[in-house]
């Protein structure tokens, strides 16, 4: 599957907090599902304390 919004593989295996950095979504914070593909338009929190819950960080 290809095209905008679809990929045949994933980039990240675990859920992560993602922050939009372009256009309408600039500054928007989202908890990405496991097995997601995150573009270079959205930095994400790659490392954090295991005691920190992602929904709280979001």
PDB file of N, CA and C in Angstrom:
ATOM      1  N   UNK A   1       0.860  -1.181   0.000  1.00  0.00           N
ATOM      2  CA  UNK A   1       0.000   0.000   0.000  1.00  0.00           C
ATOM      3  C   UNK A   1       0.896   1.231   0.000  1.00  0.00           C
ATOM      4  N   UNK A   2       0.564   2.251  -0.718  1.00  0.00           N
ATOM      5  CA  UNK A   2       1.370   3.458  -0.766  1.00  0.00           C
ATOM      6  C   UNK A   2       0.496   4.697  -0.822  1.00  0.00           C
ATOM      7  N   UNK A   3       1.127   5.854  -0.945  1.00  0.00           N
ATOM      8  CA  UNK A   3       0.385   7.099  -1.038  1.00  0.00           C
ATOM      9  C   UNK A   3       0.365   7.840   0.283  1.00  0.00           C
ATOM     10  N   UNK A   4      -0.223   9.010   0.266  1.00  0.00           N
ATOM     11  CA  UNK A   4      -0.270   9.852   1.461  1.00  0.00           C
ATOM     12  C   UNK A   4      -1.061   9.169   2.571  1.00  0.00           C
ATOM     13  N   UNK A   5      -0.428   9.034   3.725  1.00  0.00           N
ATOM     14  CA  UNK A   5      -1.103   8.449   4.878  1.00  0.00           C
ATOM     15  C   UNK A   5      -0.995   6.944   4.969  1.00  0.00           C
ATOM     16  N   UNK A   6      -0.337   6.292   4.009  1.00  0.00           N
ATOM     17  CA  UNK A   6      -0.224   4.840   4.018  1.00  0.00           C
ATOM     18  C   UNK A   6       1.210   4.414   3.718  1.00  0.00           C
ATOM     19  N   UNK A   7       1.678   3.407   4.417  1.00  0.00           N
ATOM     20  CA  UNK A   7       3.018   2.863   4.192  1.00  0.00           C
ATOM     21  C   UNK A   7       2.957   1.349   4.337  1.00  0.00           C
ATOM     22  N   UNK A   8       3.849   0.661   3.687  1.00  0.00           N
ATOM     23  CA  UNK A   8       3.859  -0.799   3.745  1.00  0.00           C
ATOM     24  C   UNK A   8       4.673  -1.325   4.922  1.00  0.00           C
ATOM     25  N   UNK A   9       5.357  -0.444   5.634  1.00  0.00           N
ATOM     26  CA  UNK A   9       6.117  -0.863   6.815  1.00  0.00           C
ATOM     27  C   UNK A   9       6.032   0.246   7.863  1.00  0.00           C
ATOM     28  N   UNK A  10       6.470  -0.059   9.075  1.00  0.00           N
ATOM     29  CA  UNK A  10       6.426   0.948  10.129  1.00  0.00           C
ATOM     30  C   UNK A  10       7.838   1.352  10.525  1.00  0.00           C
ATOM     31  N   UNK A  11       7.952   2.504  11.147  1.00  0.00           N
ATOM     32  CA  UNK A  11       9.231   3.050  11.579  1.00  0.00           C
ATOM     33  C   UNK A  11       9.441   2.805  13.072  1.00  0.00           C
ATOM     34  N   UNK A  12       8.379   2.924  13.850  1.00  0.00           N
ATOM     35  CA  UNK A  12       8.479   2.838  15.308  1.00  0.00           C
ATOM     36  C   UNK A  12       7.620   1.700  15.832  1.00  0.00           C
ATOM     37  N   UNK A  13       8.194   0.865  16.661  1.00  0.00           N
ATOM     38  CA  UNK A  13       7.483  -0.310  17.171  1.00  0.00           C
ATOM     39  C   UNK A  13       6.635  -0.043  18.398  1.00  0.00           C
ATOM     40  N   UNK A  14       6.996   0.946  19.196  1.00  0.00           N
ATOM     41  CA  UNK A  14       6.271   1.188  20.449  1.00  0.00           C
ATOM     42  C   UNK A  14       5.528   2.520  20.381  1.00  0.00           C
ATOM     43  N   UNK A  15       4.544   2.721  21.250  1.00  0.00           N
ATOM     44  CA  UNK A  15       3.837   4.012  21.263  1.00  0.00           C
ATOM     45  C   UNK A  15       4.791   5.131  21.692  1.00  0.00           C
ATOM     46  N   UNK A  16       4.652   6.292  21.088  1.00  0.00           N
ATOM     47  CA  UNK A  16       5.506   7.432  21.390  1.00  0.00           C
ATOM     48  C   UNK A  16       4.699   8.722  21.366  1.00  0.00           C
ATOM     49  N   UNK A  17       5.185   9.715  22.089  1.00  0.00           N
ATOM     50  CA  UNK A  17       4.593  11.050  22.045  1.00  0.00           C
ATOM     51  C   UNK A  17       5.230  11.787  20.864  1.00  0.00           C
ATOM     52  N   UNK A  18       4.373  12.308  19.983  1.00  0.00           N
ATOM     53  CA  UNK A  18       4.794  12.982  18.759  1.00  0.00           C
ATOM     54  C   UNK A  18       4.330  14.434  18.826  1.00  0.00           C
ATOM     55  N   UNK A  19       5.164  15.352  18.322  1.00  0.00           N
ATOM     56  CA  UNK A  19       4.843  16.785  18.340  1.00  0.00           C
ATOM     57  C   UNK A  19       4.880  17.300  16.907  1.00  0.00           C
ATOM     58  N   UNK A  20       3.770  17.849  16.439  1.00  0.00           N
ATOM     59  CA  UNK A  20       3.722  18.410  15.086  1.00  0.00           C
ATOM     60  C   UNK A  20       4.603  19.643  14.987  1.00  0.00           C
ATOM     61  N   UNK A  21       5.219  19.845  13.818  1.00  0.00           N
ATOM     62  CA  UNK A  21       6.097  21.016  13.668  1.00  0.00           C
ATOM     63  C   UNK A  21       5.833  21.812  12.399  1.00  0.00           C
ATOM     64  N   UNK A  22       4.777  21.475  11.670  1.00  0.00           N
ATOM     65  CA  UNK A  22       4.502  22.157  10.406  1.00  0.00           C
ATOM     66  C   UNK A  22       3.018  22.512  10.305  1.00  0.00           C
ATOM     67  N   UNK A  23       2.747  23.699   9.810  1.00  0.00           N
ATOM     68  CA  UNK A  23       1.385  24.110   9.489  1.00  0.00           C
ATOM     69  C   UNK A  23       0.398  24.041  10.632  1.00  0.00           C
ATOM     70  N   UNK A  24      -0.796  23.590  10.322  1.00  0.00           N
ATOM     71  CA  UNK A  24      -1.889  23.519  11.276  1.00  0.00           C
ATOM     72  C   UNK A  24      -1.539  22.683  12.502  1.00  0.00           C
ATOM     73  N   UNK A  25      -0.727  21.664  12.327  1.00  0.00           N
ATOM     74  CA  UNK A  25      -0.395  20.751  13.431  1.00  0.00           C
ATOM     75  C   UNK A  25       0.851  21.162  14.208  1.00  0.00           C
ATOM     76  N   UNK A  26       1.410  22.317  13.912  1.00  0.00           N
ATOM     77  CA  UNK A  26       2.579  22.796  14.637  1.00  0.00           C
ATOM     78  C   UNK A  26       2.242  22.954  16.119  1.00  0.00           C
ATOM     79  N   UNK A  27       2.952  22.247  16.957  1.00  0.00           N
ATOM     80  CA  UNK A  27       2.714  22.295  18.392  1.00  0.00           C
ATOM     81  C   UNK A  27       1.686  21.299  18.894  1.00  0.00           C
ATOM     82  N   UNK A  28       0.995  20.632  17.987  1.00  0.00           N
ATOM     83  CA  UNK A  28       0.012  19.621  18.392  1.00  0.00           C
ATOM     84  C   UNK A  28       0.742  18.396  18.947  1.00  0.00           C
ATOM     85  N   UNK A  29       0.257  17.866  20.044  1.00  0.00           N
ATOM     86  CA  UNK A  29       0.873  16.708  20.692  1.00  0.00           C
ATOM     87  C   UNK A  29      -0.063  15.516  20.540  1.00  0.00           C
ATOM     88  N   UNK A  30       0.502  14.372  20.209  1.00  0.00           N
ATOM     89  CA  UNK A  30      -0.296  13.177  19.931  1.00  0.00           C
ATOM     90  C   UNK A  30       0.434  11.947  20.451  1.00  0.00           C
ATOM     91  N   UNK A  31      -0.308  11.003  20.969  1.00  0.00           N
ATOM     92  CA  UNK A  31       0.267   9.727  21.375  1.00  0.00           C
ATOM     93  C   UNK A  31       0.100   8.764  20.203  1.00  0.00           C
ATOM     94  N   UNK A  32       1.200   8.466  19.521  1.00  0.00           N
ATOM     95  CA  UNK A  32       1.156   7.598  18.339  1.00  0.00           C
ATOM     96  C   UNK A  32       1.035   6.140  18.763  1.00  0.00           C
ATOM     97  N   UNK A  33       0.282   5.404  18.008  1.00  0.00           N
ATOM     98  CA  UNK A  33       0.074   3.971  18.262  1.00  0.00           C
ATOM     99  C   UNK A  33       1.348   3.181  17.939  1.00  0.00           C
ATOM    100  N   UNK A  34       1.461   1.980  18.489  1.00  0.00           N
ATOM    101  CA  UNK A  34       2.595   1.121  18.106  1.00  0.00           C
ATOM    102  C   UNK A  34       2.564   0.848  16.601  1.00  0.00           C
ATOM    103  N   UNK A  35       3.724   0.556  16.064  1.00  0.00           N
ATOM    104  CA  UNK A  35       3.883   0.243  14.639  1.00  0.00           C
ATOM    105  C   UNK A  35       3.407   1.390  13.750  1.00  0.00           C
ATOM    106  N   UNK A  36       3.935   2.584  14.039  1.00  0.00           N
ATOM    107  CA  UNK A  36       3.575   3.798  13.296  1.00  0.00           C
ATOM    108  C   UNK A  36       4.730   4.253  12.414  1.00  0.00           C
ATOM    109  N   UNK A  37       4.411   5.071  11.445  1.00  0.00           N
ATOM    110  CA  UNK A  37       5.408   5.735  10.609  1.00  0.00           C
ATOM    111  C   UNK A  37       5.306   7.217  10.912  1.00  0.00           C
ATOM    112  N   UNK A  38       6.387   7.818  11.407  1.00  0.00           N
ATOM    113  CA  UNK A  38       6.415   9.237  11.749  1.00  0.00           C
ATOM    114  C   UNK A  38       7.324   9.938  10.739  1.00  0.00           C
ATOM    115  N   UNK A  39       6.823  10.968  10.078  1.00  0.00           N
ATOM    116  CA  UNK A  39       7.629  11.691   9.088  1.00  0.00           C
ATOM    117  C   UNK A  39       8.581  12.660   9.778  1.00  0.00           C
ATOM    118  N   UNK A  40       9.430  13.301   8.986  1.00  0.00           N
ATOM    119  CA  UNK A  40      10.355  14.293   9.531  1.00  0.00           C
ATOM    120  C   UNK A  40       9.644  15.587   9.916  1.00  0.00           C
ATOM    121  N   UNK A  41       8.339  15.680   9.687  1.00  0.00           N
ATOM    122  CA  UNK A  41       7.554  16.850  10.094  1.00  0.00           C
ATOM    123  C   UNK A  41       7.061  16.741  11.524  1.00  0.00           C
ATOM    124  N   UNK A  42       7.418  15.681  12.221  1.00  0.00           N
ATOM    125  CA  UNK A  42       6.930  15.485  13.580  1.00  0.00           C
ATOM    126  C   UNK A  42       8.020  14.857  14.444  1.00  0.00           C
ATOM    127  N   UNK A  43       8.720  15.669  15.232  1.00  0.00           N
ATOM    128  CA  UNK A  43       9.678  15.073  16.160  1.00  0.00           C
ATOM    129  C   UNK A  43       8.942  14.252  17.214  1.00  0.00           C
ATOM    130  N   UNK A  44       9.616  13.297  17.794  1.00  0.00           N
ATOM    131  CA  UNK A  44       8.994  12.455  18.815  1.00  0.00           C
ATOM    132  C   UNK A  44       9.950  12.248  19.983  1.00  0.00           C
ATOM    133  N   UNK A  45       9.390  11.902  21.121  1.00  0.00           N
ATOM    134  CA  UNK A  45      10.173  11.653  22.330  1.00  0.00           C
ATOM    135  C   UNK A  45      10.683  10.215  22.243  1.00  0.00           C
ATOM    136  N   UNK A  46      11.974  10.057  21.959  1.00  0.00           N
ATOM    137  CA  UNK A  46      12.555   8.734  21.755  1.00  0.00           C
ATOM    138  C   UNK A  46      12.957   8.066  23.067  1.00  0.00           C
ATOM    139  N   UNK A  47      13.362   8.860  24.041  1.00  0.00           N
ATOM    140  CA  UNK A  47      13.805   8.304  25.311  1.00  0.00           C
ATOM    141  C   UNK A  47      13.159   9.058  26.468  1.00  0.00           C
ATOM    142  N   UNK A  48      12.783   8.309  27.495  1.00  0.00           N
ATOM    143  CA  UNK A  48      12.215   8.911  28.696  1.00  0.00           C
ATOM    144  C   UNK A  48      12.328   7.898  29.818  1.00  0.00           C
ATOM    145  N   UNK A  49      12.176   8.348  31.034  1.00  0.00           N
ATOM    146  CA  UNK A  49      12.205   7.471  32.192  1.00  0.00           C
ATOM    147  C   UNK A  49      11.084   6.440  32.084  1.00  0.00           C
ATOM    148  N   UNK A  50      11.373   5.206  32.424  1.00  0.00           N
ATOM    149  CA  UNK A  50      10.356   4.152  32.389  1.00  0.00           C
ATOM    150  C   UNK A  50       9.203   4.447  33.357  1.00  0.00           C
ATOM    151  N   UNK A  51       9.466   5.232  34.392  1.00  0.00           N
ATOM    152  CA  UNK A  51       8.407   5.553  35.359  1.00  0.00           C
ATOM    153  C   UNK A  51       7.443   6.622  34.834  1.00  0.00           C
ATOM    154  N   UNK A  52       7.806   7.296  33.751  1.00  0.00           N
ATOM    155  CA  UNK A  52       6.952   8.333  33.161  1.00  0.00           C
ATOM    156  C   UNK A  52       5.927   7.687  32.237  1.00  0.00           C
ATOM    157  N   UNK A  53       4.660   7.892  32.517  1.00  0.00           N
ATOM    158  CA  UNK A  53       3.587   7.344  31.700  1.00  0.00           C
ATOM    159  C   UNK A  53       3.364   8.237  30.482  1.00  0.00           C
ATOM    160  N   UNK A  54       3.311   7.649  29.295  1.00  0.00           N
ATOM    161  CA  UNK A  54       3.162   8.433  28.068  1.00  0.00           C
ATOM    162  C   UNK A  54       1.892   9.272  28.025  1.00  0.00           C
ATOM    163  N   UNK A  55       0.738   8.776  28.471  1.00  0.00           N
ATOM    164  CA  UNK A  55      -0.452   9.643  28.472  1.00  0.00           C
ATOM    165  C   UNK A  55      -0.246  10.896  29.341  1.00  0.00           C
ATOM    166  N   UNK A  56       0.508  10.784  30.410  1.00  0.00           N
ATOM    167  CA  UNK A  56       0.794  11.951  31.259  1.00  0.00           C
ATOM    168  C   UNK A  56       1.715  12.916  30.501  1.00  0.00           C
ATOM    169  N   UNK A  57       2.722  12.384  29.847  1.00  0.00           N
ATOM    170  CA  UNK A  57       3.639  13.241  29.064  1.00  0.00           C
ATOM    171  C   UNK A  57       2.891  13.946  27.943  1.00  0.00           C
ATOM    172  N   UNK A  58       1.982  13.238  27.323  1.00  0.00           N
ATOM    173  CA  UNK A  58       1.178  13.831  26.244  1.00  0.00           C
ATOM    174  C   UNK A  58       0.395  15.025  26.764  1.00  0.00           C
TER     175      UNK A  58
END
